[in-house]
């Protein structure tokens, strides 16, 4: 079992639809595992703008869906436009909607409650597939985390394992002979 510290996020997915409260298991099933994120300028771009005396745009906050099918974290193209993020390359992605062309940007994507350093993302038109999402959290981030999806209770937990401290000299396990 990995060692885990306080970098843990537990979420329940009870939702309000009109005046009806949706119980957590149904909320998680219908809306998927979403969490709050803040998307902003990459620190290098922010420093350049500050050196030029320009005002920095406010970060964009909203819901991001955990997407185990996404190789890379993705932000909505409208978010990139609002933040005036410069494109640094073109990308093609395949998903349930088929092939989609997009681009890459340097940015920050902060997951509320977790210290995750996302500094690059793909950009695609997420609004055409899902209302209200500003980002998808992909396997580039999830590969460093532990995700527990509890459908019956309608909850998810994300853990950031902390590295175990290095063993001091002479504290290693027994060495076994090669036979």
Foldseek 3Di string as FASTA:
>chain_A
DFAFDQLKDKDFQFDQDPNDIRALLVRCVVVNAKAKKWKAAFPVVVVVCVVVVHDFDGTDMFIAHADAPDAWKEFEVVNCVSRVFDFDAKDWDQDPVGIFIWTKGFIAMGTPSHPFGDGMHTYDHCCVPDPTHGMYHYCVRVVQWDWDQDNVNNMIMITRGDDDDDDDPPPDDDDDPPD
